[in-house]
Amino acid sequence: MWGVALAVGLEVIKAFLICVLLAIYIENYRSIKSKFTLGLLMFAAILLAETIMAIGIYSVTSLCRAIEISEVARPILSLIEVIGIAILVWITRK
């Protein structure tokens, strides 16, 4: 059970750090209004959505059930991560 608690704790820390990044990117976008900053904002928002989904899966299920659910949810979470990383690559190449 400590493994699930550790996973949730790490995901919560990750969510907090992403929120800090989002706040910075929003502030920067308001002043700069560049496509790069917008891309960073989109990337962070997608990563936050994935993190929130992971927190939900780990916090409301037992470890065995989380493993079972992750077989279905992990591809969805991976797709979200791929979209986020694709945005980051796209905006970085601009």
C-alpha atoms as a PDB file:
ATOM      1  CA  MET A   1       0.000   0.000   0.000  1.00  0.00           C
ATOM      2  CA  TRP A   2       2.927   2.357   0.596  1.00  0.00           C
ATOM      3  CA  GLY A   3       3.760   2.091  -3.093  1.00  0.00           C
ATOM      4  CA  VAL A   4       0.411   3.592  -4.053  1.00  0.00           C
ATOM      5  CA  ALA A   5       0.782   6.314  -1.418  1.00  0.00           C
ATOM      6  CA  LEU A   6       4.243   7.122  -2.753  1.00  0.00           C
ATOM      7  CA  ALA A   7       2.941   7.249  -6.338  1.00  0.00           C
ATOM      8  CA  VAL A   8       0.095   9.567  -5.330  1.00  0.00           C
ATOM      9  CA  GLY A   9       2.466  11.762  -3.330  1.00  0.00           C
ATOM     10  CA  LEU A  10       4.848  12.098  -6.257  1.00  0.00           C
ATOM     11  CA  GLU A  11       1.990  12.854  -8.644  1.00  0.00           C
ATOM     12  CA  VAL A  12       0.718  15.576  -6.279  1.00  0.00           C
ATOM     13  CA  ILE A  13       4.193  17.131  -6.147  1.00  0.00           C
ATOM     14  CA  LYS A  14       4.359  16.933  -9.941  1.00  0.00           C
ATOM     15  CA  ALA A  15       0.926  18.605 -10.218  1.00  0.00           C
ATOM     16  CA  PHE A  16       2.054  21.419  -7.915  1.00  0.00           C
ATOM     17  CA  LEU A  17       5.213  22.009  -9.952  1.00  0.00           C
ATOM     18  CA  ILE A  18       3.218  22.021 -13.187  1.00  0.00           C
ATOM     19  CA  CYS A  19       0.818  24.579 -11.676  1.00  0.00           C
ATOM     20  CA  VAL A  20       3.809  26.788 -10.871  1.00  0.00           C
ATOM     21  CA  LEU A  21       4.944  26.464 -14.488  1.00  0.00           C
ATOM     22  CA  LEU A  22       1.430  27.251 -15.733  1.00  0.00           C
ATOM     23  CA  ALA A  23       1.318  30.418 -13.636  1.00  0.00           C
ATOM     24  CA  ILE A  24       4.667  31.521 -15.058  1.00  0.00           C
ATOM     25  CA  TYR A  25       3.651  30.703 -18.636  1.00  0.00           C
ATOM     26  CA  ILE A  26       0.327  32.539 -18.284  1.00  0.00           C
ATOM     27  CA  GLU A  27       2.108  35.620 -16.950  1.00  0.00           C
ATOM     28  CA  ASN A  28       4.676  35.439 -19.755  1.00  0.00           C
ATOM     29  CA  TYR A  29       2.016  34.925 -22.413  1.00  0.00           C
ATOM     30  CA  ARG A  30       0.081  37.966 -21.214  1.00  0.00           C
ATOM     31  CA  SER A  31       3.151  40.139 -21.607  1.00  0.00           C
ATOM     32  CA  ILE A  32       4.875  38.524 -24.610  1.00  0.00           C
ATOM     33  CA  LYS A  33       2.031  36.846 -26.564  1.00  0.00           C
ATOM     34  CA  SER A  34       4.440  34.607 -28.476  1.00  0.00           C
ATOM     35  CA  LYS A  35       3.611  31.259 -30.069  1.00  0.00           C
ATOM     36  CA  PHE A  36       6.425  29.646 -28.119  1.00  0.00           C
ATOM     37  CA  THR A  37       4.941  30.737 -24.792  1.00  0.00           C
ATOM     38  CA  LEU A  38       1.492  29.580 -25.928  1.00  0.00           C
ATOM     39  CA  GLY A  39       3.003  26.200 -26.818  1.00  0.00           C
ATOM     40  CA  LEU A  40       4.612  25.918 -23.392  1.00  0.00           C
ATOM     41  CA  LEU A  41       1.271  26.808 -21.836  1.00  0.00           C
ATOM     42  CA  MET A  42      -0.505  24.106 -23.861  1.00  0.00           C
ATOM     43  CA  PHE A  43       2.191  21.554 -22.996  1.00  0.00           C
ATOM     44  CA  ALA A  44       1.932  22.261 -19.276  1.00  0.00           C
ATOM     45  CA  ALA A  45      -1.891  22.117 -19.386  1.00  0.00           C
ATOM     46  CA  ILE A  46      -1.826  18.713 -21.094  1.00  0.00           C
ATOM     47  CA  LEU A  47       0.777  17.404 -18.671  1.00  0.00           C
ATOM     48  CA  LEU A  48      -1.336  18.635 -15.753  1.00  0.00           C
ATOM     49  CA  ALA A  49      -4.409  16.861 -17.153  1.00  0.00           C
ATOM     50  CA  GLU A  50      -2.441  13.617 -17.407  1.00  0.00           C
ATOM     51  CA  THR A  51      -1.151  14.029 -13.864  1.00  0.00           C
ATOM     52  CA  ILE A  52      -4.634  14.644 -12.465  1.00  0.00           C
ATOM     53  CA  MET A  53      -5.887  11.495 -14.211  1.00  0.00           C
ATOM     54  CA  ALA A  54      -3.013   9.499 -12.714  1.00  0.00           C
ATOM     55  CA  ILE A  55      -3.760  10.844  -9.229  1.00  0.00           C
ATOM     56  CA  GLY A  56      -7.383   9.788  -9.647  1.00  0.00           C
ATOM     57  CA  ILE A  57      -6.480   6.290 -10.738  1.00  0.00           C
ATOM     58  CA  TYR A  58      -3.976   5.720  -7.952  1.00  0.00           C
ATOM     59  CA  SER A  59      -5.940   7.343  -5.143  1.00  0.00           C
ATOM     60  CA  VAL A  60      -9.318   5.662  -5.645  1.00  0.00           C
ATOM     61  CA  THR A  61      -8.210   2.126  -6.384  1.00  0.00           C
ATOM     62  CA  SER A  62      -6.303  -0.586  -4.596  1.00  0.00           C
ATOM     63  CA  LEU A  63      -2.910  -1.551  -5.956  1.00  0.00           C
ATOM     64  CA  CYS A  64      -4.238  -4.652  -7.744  1.00  0.00           C
ATOM     65  CA  ARG A  65      -7.153  -2.710  -9.192  1.00  0.00           C
ATOM     66  CA  ALA A  66      -4.799   0.141 -10.180  1.00  0.00           C
ATOM     67  CA  ILE A  67      -2.673  -2.313 -12.146  1.00  0.00           C
ATOM     68  CA  GLU A  68      -5.780  -3.649 -13.876  1.00  0.00           C
ATOM     69  CA  ILE A  69      -7.101  -0.167 -14.633  1.00  0.00           C
ATOM     70  CA  SER A  70      -3.693   1.035 -15.744  1.00  0.00           C
ATOM     71  CA  GLU A  71      -3.731  -1.564 -18.513  1.00  0.00           C
ATOM     72  CA  VAL A  72      -6.650   0.385 -19.984  1.00  0.00           C
ATOM     73  CA  ALA A  73      -5.771   3.895 -18.800  1.00  0.00           C
ATOM     74  CA  ARG A  74      -2.026   3.853 -19.438  1.00  0.00           C
ATOM     75  CA  PRO A  75      -2.381   3.989 -23.234  1.00  0.00           C
ATOM     76  CA  ILE A  76      -4.706   6.975 -22.830  1.00  0.00           C
ATOM     77  CA  LEU A  77      -2.285   8.670 -20.454  1.00  0.00           C
ATOM     78  CA  SER A  78       0.571   7.879 -22.829  1.00  0.00           C
ATOM     79  CA  LEU A  79      -1.378   9.412 -25.715  1.00  0.00           C
ATOM     80  CA  ILE A  80      -1.884  12.579 -23.677  1.00  0.00           C
ATOM     81  CA  GLU A  81       1.849  12.685 -22.933  1.00  0.00           C
ATOM     82  CA  VAL A  82       2.684  12.155 -26.623  1.00  0.00           C
ATOM     83  CA  ILE A  83       0.416  15.052 -27.604  1.00  0.00           C
ATOM     84  CA  GLY A  84       2.070  17.257 -24.998  1.00  0.00           C
ATOM     85  CA  ILE A  85       5.568  16.321 -26.092  1.00  0.00           C
ATOM     86  CA  ALA A  86       4.614  16.802 -29.759  1.00  0.00           C
ATOM     87  CA  ILE A  87       3.466  20.338 -28.923  1.00  0.00           C
ATOM     88  CA  LEU A  88       6.735  20.966 -27.112  1.00  0.00           C
ATOM     89  CA  VAL A  89       8.764  19.698 -30.089  1.00  0.00           C
ATOM     90  CA  TRP A  90       6.641  21.710 -32.544  1.00  0.00           C
ATOM     91  CA  ILE A  91       6.956  24.950 -30.605  1.00  0.00           C
ATOM     92  CA  THR A  92      10.674  24.425 -29.946  1.00  0.00           C
ATOM     93  CA  ARG A  93      11.387  24.006 -33.658  1.00  0.00           C
ATOM     94  CA  LYS A  94       9.644  27.320 -34.511  1.00  0.00           C
END
